[in-house]
């Protein structure tokens, strides 16, 4: 079964980051990525995990 990998632009759009920020985080190895030849691809789970880590829970109403 082939898994769909996202390119840099798709990953940036899904996470709300600029493509240049994604490139910088790849260079610093702050984001998990898949290297295929000279291409950099991302698993959708990586974007989802990044979004979850940045999610702040709501306060309970009084």
N, C-alpha and C. Protein backbone atom coordinates (compact mmCIF):
# COMPACT_ATOMS: atom_id res chain seq x y z
N UNK A 1 0.84 -1.17 0.00
CA UNK A 1 0.00 0.00 0.00
C UNK A 1 0.90 1.24 0.00
N UNK A 2 0.70 2.10 -0.97
CA UNK A 2 1.48 3.33 -1.08
C UNK A 2 0.89 4.41 -0.19
N UNK A 3 1.75 5.06 0.57
CA UNK A 3 1.30 6.15 1.45
C UNK A 3 1.51 7.47 0.75
N UNK A 4 0.60 8.38 0.94
CA UNK A 4 0.70 9.71 0.34
C UNK A 4 1.62 10.57 1.19
N UNK A 5 2.68 11.03 0.59
CA UNK A 5 3.60 11.94 1.25
C UNK A 5 3.36 13.35 0.72
N UNK A 6 3.52 14.34 1.57
CA UNK A 6 3.29 15.73 1.17
C UNK A 6 4.61 16.38 0.78
N UNK A 7 4.53 17.28 -0.20
CA UNK A 7 5.72 18.06 -0.52
C UNK A 7 5.81 19.24 0.44
N UNK A 8 6.84 20.03 0.32
CA UNK A 8 7.10 21.12 1.25
C UNK A 8 5.96 22.14 1.26
N UNK A 9 5.45 22.49 0.10
CA UNK A 9 4.39 23.49 0.01
C UNK A 9 3.11 22.98 0.66
N UNK A 10 2.77 21.71 0.45
CA UNK A 10 1.57 21.13 1.06
C UNK A 10 1.71 21.10 2.59
N UNK A 11 2.90 20.72 3.05
CA UNK A 11 3.16 20.67 4.49
C UNK A 11 3.04 22.06 5.11
N UNK A 12 3.62 23.06 4.44
CA UNK A 12 3.56 24.44 4.93
C UNK A 12 2.12 24.92 5.00
N UNK A 13 1.33 24.63 3.98
CA UNK A 13 -0.07 25.05 3.96
C UNK A 13 -0.86 24.38 5.08
N UNK A 14 -0.63 23.09 5.29
CA UNK A 14 -1.38 22.36 6.31
C UNK A 14 -1.04 22.85 7.72
N UNK A 15 0.21 23.22 7.96
CA UNK A 15 0.63 23.64 9.29
C UNK A 15 0.52 25.15 9.51
N UNK A 16 0.30 25.90 8.43
CA UNK A 16 0.20 27.35 8.55
C UNK A 16 1.54 28.05 8.62
N UNK A 17 2.61 27.33 8.26
CA UNK A 17 3.95 27.93 8.25
C UNK A 17 4.29 28.39 6.85
N UNK A 18 5.24 29.30 6.76
CA UNK A 18 5.76 29.71 5.47
C UNK A 18 6.69 28.60 4.97
N UNK A 19 6.76 28.39 3.65
CA UNK A 19 7.69 27.39 3.12
C UNK A 19 9.14 27.63 3.57
N UNK A 20 9.54 28.88 3.69
CA UNK A 20 10.92 29.17 4.13
C UNK A 20 11.15 28.72 5.57
N UNK A 21 10.12 28.81 6.41
CA UNK A 21 10.22 28.35 7.79
C UNK A 21 10.35 26.84 7.83
N UNK A 22 9.59 26.15 6.99
CA UNK A 22 9.67 24.69 6.92
C UNK A 22 11.07 24.28 6.48
N UNK A 23 11.60 24.93 5.44
CA UNK A 23 12.96 24.63 4.97
C UNK A 23 13.98 24.81 6.09
N UNK A 24 13.83 25.89 6.84
CA UNK A 24 14.75 26.17 7.95
C UNK A 24 14.66 25.08 9.02
N UNK A 25 13.46 24.65 9.35
CA UNK A 25 13.28 23.61 10.36
C UNK A 25 13.80 22.26 9.86
N UNK A 26 13.70 22.00 8.57
CA UNK A 26 14.27 20.78 8.00
C UNK A 26 15.79 20.84 8.12
N UNK A 27 16.37 21.98 7.75
CA UNK A 27 17.82 22.14 7.81
C UNK A 27 18.34 21.96 9.23
N UNK A 28 17.57 22.44 10.22
CA UNK A 28 17.95 22.31 11.64
C UNK A 28 17.55 20.95 12.22
N UNK A 29 16.88 20.14 11.41
CA UNK A 29 16.37 18.83 11.82
C UNK A 29 15.39 18.93 12.99
N UNK A 30 14.53 19.94 12.93
CA UNK A 30 13.50 20.13 13.95
C UNK A 30 12.18 19.48 13.52
N UNK A 31 12.10 19.09 12.25
CA UNK A 31 10.91 18.43 11.71
C UNK A 31 11.34 17.11 11.08
N UNK A 32 10.57 16.07 11.35
CA UNK A 32 10.83 14.76 10.75
C UNK A 32 10.45 14.82 9.27
N UNK A 33 11.31 14.29 8.40
CA UNK A 33 11.02 14.29 6.97
C UNK A 33 11.54 13.02 6.32
N UNK A 34 11.11 12.81 5.08
CA UNK A 34 11.53 11.66 4.29
C UNK A 34 12.32 12.19 3.10
N UNK A 35 13.50 11.66 2.89
CA UNK A 35 14.34 12.09 1.78
C UNK A 35 14.25 11.06 0.67
N UNK A 36 13.80 11.48 -0.51
CA UNK A 36 13.72 10.61 -1.67
C UNK A 36 14.56 11.27 -2.76
N UNK A 37 15.75 10.73 -2.96
CA UNK A 37 16.68 11.39 -3.87
C UNK A 37 17.04 12.75 -3.31
N UNK A 38 16.78 13.80 -4.10
CA UNK A 38 17.03 15.16 -3.63
C UNK A 38 15.77 15.82 -3.09
N UNK A 39 14.66 15.11 -3.17
CA UNK A 39 13.37 15.65 -2.72
C UNK A 39 13.15 15.41 -1.24
N UNK A 40 12.50 16.37 -0.60
CA UNK A 40 12.12 16.25 0.80
C UNK A 40 10.60 16.11 0.84
N UNK A 41 10.11 15.09 1.52
CA UNK A 41 8.67 14.84 1.65
C UNK A 41 8.34 14.67 3.13
N UNK A 42 7.06 14.82 3.43
CA UNK A 42 6.60 14.75 4.82
C UNK A 42 5.43 13.80 4.94
N UNK A 43 5.38 13.06 6.05
CA UNK A 43 4.24 12.21 6.35
C UNK A 43 3.13 13.11 6.91
N UNK A 44 1.88 12.86 6.53
CA UNK A 44 0.78 13.65 7.09
C UNK A 44 0.74 13.59 8.62
N UNK A 45 1.15 12.46 9.19
CA UNK A 45 1.16 12.32 10.65
C UNK A 45 2.09 13.34 11.30
N UNK A 46 3.17 13.69 10.61
CA UNK A 46 4.12 14.66 11.15
C UNK A 46 3.46 16.02 11.30
N UNK A 47 2.69 16.43 10.30
CA UNK A 47 1.98 17.71 10.36
C UNK A 47 0.93 17.68 11.46
N UNK A 48 0.20 16.57 11.55
CA UNK A 48 -0.84 16.45 12.57
C UNK A 48 -0.24 16.50 13.97
N UNK A 49 0.91 15.84 14.15
CA UNK A 49 1.59 15.84 15.46
C UNK A 49 2.05 17.25 15.81
N UNK A 50 2.58 17.97 14.84
CA UNK A 50 3.04 19.34 15.05
C UNK A 50 1.87 20.24 15.45
N UNK A 51 0.73 20.07 14.82
CA UNK A 51 -0.46 20.85 15.14
C UNK A 51 -0.94 20.52 16.55
N UNK A 52 -0.95 19.23 16.89
CA UNK A 52 -1.39 18.81 18.23
C UNK A 52 -0.48 19.39 19.33
N UNK A 53 0.82 19.42 19.07
CA UNK A 53 1.76 19.94 20.06
C UNK A 53 1.54 21.42 20.33
N UNK A 54 1.03 22.13 19.33
CA UNK A 54 0.81 23.56 19.48
C UNK A 54 -0.59 23.92 19.96
N UNK A 55 -1.44 22.90 20.15
CA UNK A 55 -2.81 23.15 20.57
C UNK A 55 -2.86 23.47 22.06
N UNK A 56 -3.50 24.57 22.39
CA UNK A 56 -3.66 25.00 23.78
C UNK A 56 -5.09 24.70 24.19
N UNK A 57 -5.28 23.95 25.29
CA UNK A 57 -6.65 23.62 25.71
C UNK A 57 -7.40 24.85 26.21
N UNK A 58 -8.71 24.84 26.03
CA UNK A 58 -9.55 25.94 26.49
C UNK A 58 -9.70 25.89 28.01
N UNK A 59 -9.89 27.05 28.60
CA UNK A 59 -10.15 27.12 30.04
C UNK A 59 -11.60 26.74 30.30
N UNK A 60 -11.83 26.15 31.45
CA UNK A 60 -13.21 25.81 31.82
C UNK A 60 -13.94 27.09 32.18
N UNK A 61 -15.19 27.19 31.77
CA UNK A 61 -15.97 28.38 32.13
C UNK A 61 -16.42 28.28 33.58
N UNK A 62 -16.56 29.41 34.21
CA UNK A 62 -16.92 29.43 35.64
C UNK A 62 -18.40 29.46 35.84
